[in-house]
Amino acid sequence: MTTSTALLLADLTGVAVFAASGASAAVAKRLDLFGVVFVGVVAALGGGIFRDLVIDEVPPLAFADWRYAVAAAVTAAAIFWLHPQFARLRTTVLVLDAAGLGLFTVTGTLKALDAHVPPVGACMIGMLTAIGGGLGRDLLTGEIPVVLRREIYAVAALAGSIVVALLSAYGQAKAAPLTAAATFVFLLRLVSLRRRWSAPVATLRPPRTGTRGPQG
């Protein structure tokens, strides 16, 4: 198997994982078949479409290569019909979702750097590539996006994109170091879930009531 074939298979696997995540959320909201497939496709392809549009690669790969859209749609449709059995695999899906997060962080950041986007911008694009699909999924299903809540999700993607940018700056953007970067994002996400790590949340204090007596 060639390197390009391996990367394609890994990419399509990530697409399928995020499509399953989006479809599961849509099933929980009692959407019909079209709604489930639509949310699944958005979850799977949204981040990559955003990335390609930002770096001016048109048409986006999700539209140029039919395999991406088909993989997302078929997976989402399968979840619609098989969701009772799929619901038992929540832990497996979370693990695969973390793997997809790491993969898309690395590929998104690298693609932005290859398009001559400055490192800071490339890190932002890498993060948004990884989390963009989930953001679209949550908005379509009427949820506060998970990336804006306590979970270490976007932070893990951003940390991974910074690692990729540093590797590229020092000429180490090779298979082994990049695999290590994806693994770092993967493990950070899983450990944060296991230990229930979260980003700081503002503490809301009730307004102080005055005790001033009557005037005059």
Protein backbone atom coordinates (compact mmCIF):
# COMPACT_ATOMS: atom_id res chain seq x y z
CA MET A 1 0.00 0.00 0.00
CA THR A 2 1.41 3.39 -1.00
CA THR A 3 1.63 6.37 1.36
CA SER A 4 -1.00 8.31 -0.59
CA THR A 5 -3.40 5.36 -0.40
CA ALA A 6 -2.83 5.03 3.34
CA LEU A 7 -3.51 8.72 3.88
CA LEU A 8 -6.68 8.53 1.78
CA LEU A 9 -7.97 5.57 3.78
CA ALA A 10 -7.16 7.33 7.05
CA ASP A 11 -8.91 10.48 5.83
CA LEU A 12 -12.02 8.57 4.77
CA THR A 13 -12.03 6.76 8.12
CA GLY A 14 -12.05 10.12 9.88
CA VAL A 15 -14.89 11.27 7.63
CA ALA A 16 -16.90 8.17 8.52
CA VAL A 17 -16.29 8.63 12.25
CA PHE A 18 -17.47 12.23 12.26
CA ALA A 19 -20.43 11.34 10.05
CA ALA A 20 -21.43 8.73 12.63
CA SER A 21 -21.12 11.32 15.39
CA GLY A 22 -23.30 13.81 13.54
CA ALA A 23 -25.88 11.20 12.57
CA SER A 24 -26.14 9.97 16.16
CA ALA A 25 -26.84 13.49 17.39
CA ALA A 26 -29.50 13.92 14.69
CA VAL A 27 -31.17 10.61 15.58
CA ALA A 28 -31.33 11.73 19.22
CA LYS A 29 -33.19 14.84 18.02
CA ARG A 30 -35.71 12.67 16.15
CA LEU A 31 -34.84 14.01 12.69
CA ASP A 32 -35.98 12.15 9.58
CA LEU A 33 -33.68 10.22 7.26
CA PHE A 34 -32.77 13.26 5.18
CA GLY A 35 -32.08 15.30 8.31
CA VAL A 36 -29.86 12.58 9.79
CA VAL A 37 -27.84 12.24 6.57
CA PHE A 38 -27.56 16.01 6.17
CA VAL A 39 -26.27 16.55 9.71
CA GLY A 40 -23.89 13.61 9.32
CA VAL A 41 -22.44 15.01 6.09
CA VAL A 42 -22.02 18.47 7.62
CA ALA A 43 -20.25 16.97 10.65
CA ALA A 44 -17.94 14.91 8.44
CA LEU A 45 -17.07 17.46 5.76
CA GLY A 46 -17.68 20.89 7.28
CA GLY A 47 -14.18 21.40 8.65
CA GLY A 48 -12.46 20.34 5.44
CA ILE A 49 -14.69 22.55 3.29
CA PHE A 50 -13.91 25.54 5.50
CA ARG A 51 -10.19 24.81 5.25
CA ASP A 52 -10.18 24.54 1.48
CA LEU A 53 -12.22 27.72 1.02
CA VAL A 54 -9.92 29.69 3.33
CA ILE A 55 -6.77 28.60 1.50
CA ASP A 56 -8.48 29.22 -1.87
CA GLU A 57 -8.52 25.61 -3.02
CA VAL A 58 -11.66 25.34 -5.10
CA PRO A 59 -13.65 23.28 -5.50
CA PRO A 60 -13.08 21.88 -1.98
CA LEU A 61 -11.85 18.29 -1.85
CA ALA A 62 -15.19 17.21 -0.38
CA PHE A 63 -16.82 18.24 -3.66
CA ALA A 64 -13.99 17.32 -6.03
CA ASP A 65 -13.61 13.71 -4.81
CA TRP A 66 -16.93 11.83 -4.71
CA ARG A 67 -15.61 9.31 -2.21
CA TYR A 68 -15.75 11.81 0.64
CA ALA A 69 -19.42 12.69 0.23
CA VAL A 70 -20.40 9.06 -0.37
CA ALA A 71 -18.51 7.84 2.70
CA ALA A 72 -20.21 10.47 4.86
CA ALA A 73 -23.71 9.88 3.47
CA VAL A 74 -23.54 6.07 3.59
CA THR A 75 -22.24 6.11 7.17
CA ALA A 76 -24.95 8.55 8.31
CA ALA A 77 -27.68 6.48 6.62
CA ALA A 78 -26.33 3.33 8.27
CA ILE A 79 -26.55 5.02 11.68
CA PHE A 80 -30.16 5.96 10.96
CA TRP A 81 -31.09 2.31 10.48
CA LEU A 82 -28.72 0.73 13.00
CA HIS A 83 -28.73 3.31 15.79
CA PRO A 84 -30.06 0.94 18.51
CA GLN A 85 -27.00 -1.28 18.09
CA PHE A 86 -24.70 1.70 17.55
CA ALA A 87 -25.77 3.31 20.82
CA ARG A 88 -23.96 0.53 22.66
CA LEU A 89 -20.65 1.56 21.11
CA ARG A 90 -20.44 5.04 22.65
CA THR A 91 -16.98 4.44 24.12
CA THR A 92 -15.67 3.17 20.78
CA VAL A 93 -17.09 6.20 19.00
CA LEU A 94 -15.45 8.57 21.49
CA VAL A 95 -12.10 6.87 20.90
CA LEU A 96 -12.50 7.05 17.13
CA ASP A 97 -13.66 10.67 17.38
CA ALA A 98 -10.48 11.51 19.30
CA ALA A 99 -8.44 9.76 16.59
CA GLY A 100 -10.22 11.76 13.90
CA LEU A 101 -9.58 14.96 15.83
CA GLY A 102 -5.85 14.26 15.84
CA LEU A 103 -5.77 13.29 12.17
CA PHE A 104 -7.70 16.31 10.93
CA THR A 105 -5.67 18.66 13.13
CA VAL A 106 -2.46 17.48 11.50
CA THR A 107 -3.72 17.38 7.92
CA GLY A 108 -5.51 20.73 8.23
CA THR A 109 -2.45 22.50 9.63
CA LEU A 110 -0.12 20.95 7.06
CA LYS A 111 -2.38 21.87 4.17
CA ALA A 112 -2.54 25.47 5.37
CA LEU A 113 1.24 25.64 5.73
CA ASP A 114 1.68 24.16 2.24
CA ALA A 115 -0.59 26.96 0.97
CA HIS A 116 1.90 29.46 2.48
CA VAL A 117 -0.39 30.56 5.29
CA PRO A 118 1.70 32.06 8.15
CA PRO A 119 2.14 29.72 11.16
CA VAL A 120 -0.38 31.48 13.44
CA GLY A 121 -3.04 31.41 10.73
CA ALA A 122 -2.18 27.81 9.87
CA CYS A 123 -2.69 26.80 13.50
CA MET A 124 -6.11 28.43 13.52
CA ILE A 125 -7.05 26.72 10.26
CA GLY A 126 -5.81 23.36 11.60
CA MET A 127 -7.92 23.73 14.72
CA LEU A 128 -11.03 24.80 12.78
CA THR A 129 -10.57 21.92 10.33
CA ALA A 130 -10.70 19.50 13.25
CA ILE A 131 -13.62 21.09 15.12
CA GLY A 132 -15.60 22.68 12.29
CA GLY A 133 -17.76 19.65 11.58
CA GLY A 134 -18.72 19.26 15.23
CA LEU A 135 -19.55 22.95 15.42
CA GLY A 136 -21.93 22.61 12.47
CA ARG A 137 -23.46 19.46 13.94
CA ASP A 138 -24.25 21.13 17.27
CA LEU A 139 -25.68 24.25 15.67
CA LEU A 140 -27.94 22.21 13.38
CA THR A 141 -29.22 20.13 16.30
CA GLY A 142 -29.84 23.13 18.54
CA GLU A 143 -27.04 22.49 21.03
CA ILE A 144 -24.43 24.81 22.49
CA PRO A 145 -21.34 23.71 20.51
CA VAL A 146 -19.19 21.31 22.51
CA VAL A 147 -16.11 23.35 21.56
CA LEU A 148 -17.51 26.29 23.55
CA ARG A 149 -18.21 24.25 26.66
CA ARG A 150 -15.95 22.83 29.33
CA GLU A 151 -14.56 19.86 27.43
CA ILE A 152 -10.94 19.88 26.28
CA TYR A 153 -11.67 19.55 22.55
CA ALA A 154 -10.76 22.69 20.65
CA VAL A 155 -7.86 23.23 23.07
CA ALA A 156 -6.49 19.79 22.19
CA ALA A 157 -6.75 20.57 18.47
CA LEU A 158 -5.07 23.95 18.90
CA ALA A 159 -2.23 22.42 20.91
CA GLY A 160 -1.72 19.80 18.22
CA SER A 161 -1.70 22.37 15.44
CA ILE A 162 1.00 24.34 17.29
CA VAL A 163 3.11 21.17 17.52
CA VAL A 164 2.70 20.60 13.77
CA ALA A 165 3.69 24.20 13.00
CA LEU A 166 6.81 23.88 15.17
CA LEU A 167 7.76 20.60 13.51
CA SER A 168 7.38 22.22 10.10
CA ALA A 169 9.45 25.24 11.14
CA TYR A 170 12.32 22.97 12.19
CA GLY A 171 12.10 20.81 9.08
CA GLN A 172 10.65 17.82 10.89
CA ALA A 173 7.33 17.58 9.02
CA LYS A 174 7.89 13.89 8.33
CA ALA A 175 5.73 10.83 8.85
CA ALA A 176 6.98 9.81 12.31
CA PRO A 177 6.90 13.27 13.98
CA LEU A 178 3.50 14.06 12.45
CA THR A 179 2.14 10.74 13.65
CA ALA A 180 3.42 11.65 17.09
CA ALA A 181 1.58 15.01 16.87
CA ALA A 182 -1.68 13.29 15.94
CA THR A 183 -1.15 10.82 18.78
CA PHE A 184 -0.59 13.73 21.18
CA VAL A 185 -3.98 15.23 20.28
CA PHE A 186 -5.61 11.81 20.52
CA LEU A 187 -4.21 11.10 23.98
CA LEU A 188 -4.89 14.59 25.29
CA ARG A 189 -8.53 14.28 24.29
CA LEU A 190 -8.92 10.82 25.84
CA VAL A 191 -7.11 11.71 29.07
CA SER A 192 -9.21 14.86 29.45
CA LEU A 193 -12.36 12.76 29.08
CA ARG A 194 -11.10 10.16 31.52
CA ARG A 195 -10.04 12.69 34.16
CA ARG A 196 -12.87 15.13 33.42
CA TRP A 197 -10.50 18.00 32.73
CA SER A 198 -12.14 21.22 31.65
CA ALA A 199 -11.28 24.77 30.71
CA PRO A 200 -11.97 27.47 33.33
CA VAL A 201 -15.56 28.68 33.50
CA ALA A 202 -16.57 32.11 34.73
CA THR A 203 -18.15 32.16 38.17
CA LEU A 204 -21.35 34.15 38.24
CA ARG A 205 -21.94 35.97 41.51
CA PRO A 206 -25.33 37.33 42.50
CA PRO A 207 -25.47 41.15 42.58
CA ARG A 208 -24.92 42.66 45.97
CA THR A 209 -28.03 44.23 47.45
CA GLY A 210 -27.66 47.52 49.27
CA THR A 211 -28.89 48.16 52.82
CA ARG A 212 -29.31 51.88 52.48
CA GLY A 213 -32.17 53.34 54.52
CA PRO A 214 -34.71 55.91 53.37
CA GLN A 215 -33.42 59.33 52.32
CA GLY A 216 -34.38 62.62 54.05
